[in-house]
C-alpha atoms as a PDB file:
ATOM      1  CA  MET A   1       1.314  29.458  81.540  1.00  0.00           C
ATOM      2  CA  LYS A   2       0.022  29.235  77.969  1.00  0.00           C
ATOM      3  CA  LYS A   3       2.304  28.302  75.107  1.00  0.00           C
ATOM      4  CA  ALA A   4       2.917  31.005  72.536  1.00  0.00           C
ATOM      5  CA  GLN A   5       1.224  30.036  69.302  1.00  0.00           C
ATOM      6  CA  LEU A   6       1.692  31.297  65.789  1.00  0.00           C
ATOM      7  CA  PRO A   7      -1.684  32.591  64.560  1.00  0.00           C
ATOM      8  CA  LEU A   8      -3.076  30.499  61.721  1.00  0.00           C
ATOM      9  CA  GLN A   9      -3.337  33.357  59.210  1.00  0.00           C
ATOM     10  CA  LEU A  10       0.260  34.393  59.864  1.00  0.00           C
ATOM     11  CA  ALA A  11       1.454  30.780  59.617  1.00  0.00           C
ATOM     12  CA  LEU A  12      -0.357  30.410  56.283  1.00  0.00           C
ATOM     13  CA  ALA A  13       1.097  33.669  54.931  1.00  0.00           C
ATOM     14  CA  LEU A  14       4.631  32.682  55.961  1.00  0.00           C
ATOM     15  CA  SER A  15       4.201  29.183  54.498  1.00  0.00           C
ATOM     16  CA  MET A  16       3.053  30.674  51.210  1.00  0.00           C
ATOM     17  CA  LEU A  17       6.056  33.028  51.146  1.00  0.00           C
ATOM     18  CA  ALA A  18       8.423  30.110  51.834  1.00  0.00           C
ATOM     19  CA  ALA A  19       6.817  28.142  48.984  1.00  0.00           C
ATOM     20  CA  ILE A  20       7.186  31.106  46.616  1.00  0.00           C
ATOM     21  CA  SER A  21      10.839  31.436  47.640  1.00  0.00           C
ATOM     22  CA  ILE A  22      11.440  27.758  46.863  1.00  0.00           C
ATOM     23  CA  ILE A  23       9.826  28.073  43.426  1.00  0.00           C
ATOM     24  CA  LEU A  24      11.747  31.257  42.589  1.00  0.00           C
ATOM     25  CA  GLY A  25      15.061  29.931  43.898  1.00  0.00           C
ATOM     26  CA  LYS A  26      15.103  26.300  42.936  1.00  0.00           C
ATOM     27  CA  TYR A  27      12.925  26.101  39.824  1.00  0.00           C
ATOM     28  CA  LEU A  28      12.982  29.550  38.179  1.00  0.00           C
ATOM     29  CA  ALA A  29      16.614  30.512  38.804  1.00  0.00           C
ATOM     30  CA  PHE A  30      19.345  30.384  36.231  1.00  0.00           C
ATOM     31  CA  GLY A  31      22.925  29.680  37.144  1.00  0.00           C
ATOM     32  CA  ILE A  32      26.421  30.342  35.965  1.00  0.00           C
ATOM     33  CA  GLY A  33      28.516  27.384  37.060  1.00  0.00           C
ATOM     34  CA  ASN A  34      27.854  25.719  40.409  1.00  0.00           C
ATOM     35  CA  VAL A  35      28.103  28.785  42.599  1.00  0.00           C
ATOM     36  CA  LEU A  36      26.452  31.789  40.928  1.00  0.00           C
ATOM     37  CA  ARG A  37      22.685  31.830  40.528  1.00  0.00           C
ATOM     38  CA  PHE A  38      20.410  34.665  39.531  1.00  0.00           C
ATOM     39  CA  SER A  39      17.070  34.320  41.242  1.00  0.00           C
ATOM     40  CA  PHE A  40      14.488  36.189  43.244  1.00  0.00           C
ATOM     41  CA  GLU A  41      14.380  33.569  46.004  1.00  0.00           C
ATOM     42  CA  ASN A  42      15.154  36.214  48.627  1.00  0.00           C
ATOM     43  CA  LEU A  43      12.272  38.487  47.575  1.00  0.00           C
ATOM     44  CA  PRO A  44       9.618  36.621  49.632  1.00  0.00           C
ATOM     45  CA  ILE A  45      12.070  36.301  52.536  1.00  0.00           C
ATOM     46  CA  ALA A  46      12.714  40.056  52.579  1.00  0.00           C
ATOM     47  CA  PHE A  47       8.982  40.714  52.150  1.00  0.00           C
ATOM     48  CA  ALA A  48       8.246  38.528  55.182  1.00  0.00           C
ATOM     49  CA  GLY A  49      10.819  40.408  57.259  1.00  0.00           C
ATOM     50  CA  ILE A  50       9.610  43.850  56.183  1.00  0.00           C
ATOM     51  CA  ALA A  51       5.891  43.064  56.433  1.00  0.00           C
ATOM     52  CA  PHE A  52       5.706  40.707  59.415  1.00  0.00           C
ATOM     53  CA  GLY A  53       8.909  41.333  61.367  1.00  0.00           C
ATOM     54  CA  PRO A  54      12.390  39.880  61.805  1.00  0.00           C
ATOM     55  CA  ILE A  55      11.343  36.557  63.372  1.00  0.00           C
ATOM     56  CA  ALA A  56       8.861  35.912  60.563  1.00  0.00           C
ATOM     57  CA  GLY A  57      11.500  36.755  57.961  1.00  0.00           C
ATOM     58  CA  ALA A  58      14.037  34.467  59.623  1.00  0.00           C
ATOM     59  CA  LEU A  59      11.496  31.611  59.735  1.00  0.00           C
ATOM     60  CA  VAL A  60      10.661  31.998  56.050  1.00  0.00           C
ATOM     61  CA  GLY A  61      14.382  32.031  55.185  1.00  0.00           C
ATOM     62  CA  ALA A  62      15.110  28.879  57.182  1.00  0.00           C
ATOM     63  CA  VAL A  63      12.092  26.921  55.941  1.00  0.00           C
ATOM     64  CA  ALA A  64      12.578  27.950  52.304  1.00  0.00           C
ATOM     65  CA  ASP A  65      16.260  27.013  52.273  1.00  0.00           C
ATOM     66  CA  LEU A  66      15.925  23.696  54.106  1.00  0.00           C
ATOM     67  CA  ILE A  67      12.830  22.421  52.282  1.00  0.00           C
ATOM     68  CA  GLY A  68      14.115  23.759  48.955  1.00  0.00           C
ATOM     69  CA  CYS A  69      17.375  21.842  49.339  1.00  0.00           C
ATOM     70  CA  LEU A  70      15.505  18.656  50.210  1.00  0.00           C
ATOM     71  CA  LEU A  71      13.141  19.004  47.236  1.00  0.00           C
ATOM     72  CA  VAL A  72      15.872  19.385  44.626  1.00  0.00           C
ATOM     73  CA  GLY A  73      18.472  17.141  46.241  1.00  0.00           C
ATOM     74  CA  TYR A  74      21.017  19.743  47.312  1.00  0.00           C
ATOM     75  CA  GLU A  75      23.172  18.985  50.300  1.00  0.00           C
ATOM     76  CA  ILE A  76      22.290  21.343  53.153  1.00  0.00           C
ATOM     77  CA  ASN A  77      25.029  23.903  53.730  1.00  0.00           C
ATOM     78  CA  TRP A  78      24.335  25.337  57.185  1.00  0.00           C
ATOM     79  CA  LEU A  79      26.167  28.590  56.457  1.00  0.00           C
ATOM     80  CA  VAL A  80      23.987  29.162  53.398  1.00  0.00           C
ATOM     81  CA  THR A  81      20.913  28.415  55.525  1.00  0.00           C
ATOM     82  CA  LEU A  82      22.203  30.886  58.119  1.00  0.00           C
ATOM     83  CA  GLY A  83      22.540  33.430  55.299  1.00  0.00           C
ATOM     84  CA  ALA A  84      18.891  32.889  54.311  1.00  0.00           C
ATOM     85  CA  VAL A  85      17.862  33.327  57.955  1.00  0.00           C
ATOM     86  CA  ALA A  86      19.964  36.507  58.140  1.00  0.00           C
ATOM     87  CA  ILE A  87      18.229  37.942  55.068  1.00  0.00           C
ATOM     88  CA  GLY A  88      14.833  37.652  56.756  1.00  0.00           C
ATOM     89  CA  LEU A  89      16.128  38.782  60.136  1.00  0.00           C
ATOM     90  CA  ILE A  90      18.122  41.788  58.873  1.00  0.00           C
ATOM     91  CA  SER A  91      15.393  42.975  56.488  1.00  0.00           C
ATOM     92  CA  GLY A  92      12.902  42.770  59.351  1.00  0.00           C
ATOM     93  CA  LEU A  93      15.120  44.508  61.909  1.00  0.00           C
ATOM     94  CA  SER A  94      16.053  47.261  59.445  1.00  0.00           C
ATOM     95  CA  ALA A  95      12.430  47.827  58.449  1.00  0.00           C
ATOM     96  CA  THR A  96      11.266  47.883  62.081  1.00  0.00           C
ATOM     97  CA  VAL A  97      13.796  50.569  63.001  1.00  0.00           C
ATOM     98  CA  LEU A  98      13.277  52.616  59.834  1.00  0.00           C
ATOM     99  CA  LYS A  99       9.458  52.497  60.081  1.00  0.00           C
ATOM    100  CA  LYS A 100       9.743  53.909  63.590  1.00  0.00           C
ATOM    101  CA  PHE A 101      12.055  56.796  62.667  1.00  0.00           C
ATOM    102  CA  LEU A 102      11.035  57.409  59.036  1.00  0.00           C
ATOM    103  CA  PRO A 103       7.359  56.372  58.852  1.00  0.00           C
ATOM    104  CA  ARG A 104       6.633  58.192  55.585  1.00  0.00           C
ATOM    105  CA  HIS A 105       9.631  56.885  53.662  1.00  0.00           C
ATOM    106  CA  GLU A 106       8.489  53.451  52.480  1.00  0.00           C
ATOM    107  CA  ALA A 107      10.828  53.369  49.492  1.00  0.00           C
ATOM    108  CA  LEU A 108      13.877  54.195  51.615  1.00  0.00           C
ATOM    109  CA  THR A 109      12.803  51.576  54.172  1.00  0.00           C
ATOM    110  CA  VAL A 110      12.592  48.899  51.473  1.00  0.00           C
ATOM    111  CA  ILE A 111      15.885  49.879  49.817  1.00  0.00           C
ATOM    112  CA  VAL A 112      17.909  49.986  53.045  1.00  0.00           C
ATOM    113  CA  SER A 113      16.279  46.802  54.382  1.00  0.00           C
ATOM    114  CA  VAL A 114      16.843  44.778  51.210  1.00  0.00           C
ATOM    115  CA  MET A 115      20.385  45.988  50.615  1.00  0.00           C
ATOM    116  CA  ALA A 116      21.465  45.519  54.255  1.00  0.00           C
ATOM    117  CA  ALA A 117      19.973  42.020  54.208  1.00  0.00           C
ATOM    118  CA  HIS A 118      21.797  41.117  50.992  1.00  0.00           C
ATOM    119  CA  ILE A 119      25.131  42.549  52.119  1.00  0.00           C
ATOM    120  CA  ILE A 120      25.074  40.565  55.364  1.00  0.00           C
ATOM    121  CA  GLY A 121      23.136  37.450  54.331  1.00  0.00           C
ATOM    122  CA  SER A 122      23.920  36.924  50.648  1.00  0.00           C
ATOM    123  CA  VAL A 123      27.260  38.622  50.121  1.00  0.00           C
ATOM    124  CA  ILE A 124      29.032  37.861  53.404  1.00  0.00           C
ATOM    125  CA  ILE A 125      27.493  34.806  55.132  1.00  0.00           C
ATOM    126  CA  LYS A 126      26.463  32.786  52.070  1.00  0.00           C
ATOM    127  CA  THR A 127      29.737  33.588  50.311  1.00  0.00           C
ATOM    128  CA  VAL A 128      31.721  32.217  53.260  1.00  0.00           C
ATOM    129  CA  GLY A 129      29.614  29.046  53.137  1.00  0.00           C
ATOM    130  CA  LEU A 130      29.961  28.611  49.380  1.00  0.00           C
ATOM    131  CA  ALA A 131      33.696  29.391  49.343  1.00  0.00           C
ATOM    132  CA  ALA A 132      34.309  26.771  52.030  1.00  0.00           C
ATOM    133  CA  TYR A 133      32.035  24.168  50.420  1.00  0.00           C
ATOM    134  CA  TYR A 134      33.433  24.549  46.889  1.00  0.00           C
ATOM    135  CA  ALA A 135      37.024  25.326  48.010  1.00  0.00           C
ATOM    136  CA  MET A 136      37.013  28.554  46.011  1.00  0.00           C
ATOM    137  CA  PRO A 137      38.989  31.715  46.734  1.00  0.00           C
ATOM    138  CA  PHE A 138      36.760  33.871  48.948  1.00  0.00           C
ATOM    139  CA  HIS A 139      37.740  37.225  47.432  1.00  0.00           C
ATOM    140  CA  ILE A 140      36.929  36.167  43.857  1.00  0.00           C
ATOM    141  CA  LEU A 141      33.590  34.684  44.829  1.00  0.00           C
ATOM    142  CA  LEU A 142      32.845  37.749  46.953  1.00  0.00           C
ATOM    143  CA  LEU A 143      33.352  40.062  43.977  1.00  0.00           C
ATOM    144  CA  TRP A 144      31.012  38.064  41.729  1.00  0.00           C
ATOM    145  CA  ARG A 145      28.357  37.763  44.423  1.00  0.00           C
ATOM    146  CA  LEU A 146      28.594  41.475  45.225  1.00  0.00           C
ATOM    147  CA  ILE A 147      27.863  42.282  41.573  1.00  0.00           C
ATOM    148  CA  ASN A 148      25.124  39.636  41.449  1.00  0.00           C
ATOM    149  CA  TYR A 149      23.313  40.938  44.527  1.00  0.00           C
ATOM    150  CA  ALA A 150      23.713  44.594  43.599  1.00  0.00           C
ATOM    151  CA  ILE A 151      21.704  43.745  40.472  1.00  0.00           C
ATOM    152  CA  VAL A 152      19.269  41.296  42.087  1.00  0.00           C
ATOM    153  CA  GLY A 153      18.788  43.501  45.165  1.00  0.00           C
ATOM    154  CA  GLY A 154      18.083  46.525  42.979  1.00  0.00           C
ATOM    155  CA  LEU A 155      15.494  44.574  40.991  1.00  0.00           C
ATOM    156  CA  GLU A 156      13.933  43.249  44.203  1.00  0.00           C
ATOM    157  CA  CYS A 157      13.608  46.827  45.462  1.00  0.00           C
ATOM    158  CA  LEU A 158      11.863  47.803  42.221  1.00  0.00           C
ATOM    159  CA  LEU A 159       9.361  44.994  42.831  1.00  0.00           C
ATOM    160  CA  LEU A 160       8.952  45.439  46.588  1.00  0.00           C
ATOM    161  CA  ILE A 161       8.470  49.223  46.703  1.00  0.00           C
ATOM    162  CA  PRO A 162       5.159  49.271  44.786  1.00  0.00           C
ATOM    163  CA  LEU A 163       4.097  46.099  46.587  1.00  0.00           C
ATOM    164  CA  MET A 164       4.668  47.651  50.026  1.00  0.00           C
ATOM    165  CA  ARG A 165       2.888  50.857  48.930  1.00  0.00           C
ATOM    166  CA  SER A 166      -0.163  48.968  47.687  1.00  0.00           C
ATOM    167  CA  ARG A 167      -3.304  49.603  49.740  1.00  0.00           C
ATOM    168  CA  GLY A 168      -4.426  46.031  49.186  1.00  0.00           C
ATOM    169  CA  VAL A 169      -1.162  44.598  50.507  1.00  0.00           C
ATOM    170  CA  LYS A 170      -1.197  46.983  53.479  1.00  0.00           C
ATOM    171  CA  ARG A 171      -4.789  45.973  54.245  1.00  0.00           C
ATOM    172  CA  GLU A 172      -3.910  42.258  54.210  1.00  0.00           C
ATOM    173  CA  ILE A 173      -0.818  42.755  56.391  1.00  0.00           C
ATOM    174  CA  ALA A 174      -2.908  44.768  58.879  1.00  0.00           C
ATOM    175  CA  ARG A 175      -5.610  42.084  58.814  1.00  0.00           C
ATOM    176  CA  ILE A 176      -3.085  39.398  59.744  1.00  0.00           C
ATOM    177  CA  MET A 177      -0.914  41.268  62.245  1.00  0.00           C
ATOM    178  CA  PRO A 178      -3.344  42.973  64.706  1.00  0.00           C
ATOM    179  CA  ARG A 179      -4.825  39.633  65.700  1.00  0.00           C
ATOM    180  CA  HIS A 180      -1.334  38.414  66.517  1.00  0.00           C
ATOM    181  CA  ARG A 181      -0.728  41.427  68.763  1.00  0.00           C
ATOM    182  CA  GLU A 182      -4.148  41.100  70.440  1.00  0.00           C
ATOM    183  CA  ARG A 183      -3.474  37.456  71.329  1.00  0.00           C
ATOM    184  CA  LYS A 184      -0.128  38.353  72.875  1.00  0.00           C
ATOM    185  CA  GLU A 185      -1.826  41.004  75.022  1.00  0.00           C
ATOM    186  CA  GLU A 186      -4.560  38.553  76.101  1.00  0.00           C
ATOM    187  CA  GLN A 187      -1.927  36.047  77.267  1.00  0.00           C
ATOM    188  CA  LYS A 188      -0.282  38.579  79.599  1.00  0.00           C
END
């Protein structure tokens, strides 16, 4: 039995998205206190989920959070890492289902995928992790993070919709993904 391998082009694309997430989240973010940060770190994670599937999105989320924390000296909070994984996973699962049932509604697919991912990953899971870590009242932190991610998620949708509609982006995604599917079929 052959081991399943991640195709090189897909691995490179996911690595690049994780690196972009680290730059956006750790170096180009601006914060309010220790807990609230405005950044687009989840944009590449959601893109990975929507474009390459839920496993790819989850991988990008995990790698970006863990390596990002190590690079800037943050202590790893496993619930926050789980939230980053959930953002990639949920955006990918949502997009997979919506593409199947609503193939001509790219904008709706992006909006639902990004918002579902943020509600579960950023607003619920990460908030639990941050509230526990900083010993803050959950409900107060939840309110601020809900407002934060309503704004950030909306802006991410405005950036992702034209990106996902772009012929060039679609061509590159198709160039990377069919080879992955062909290899899986060859191994069977």
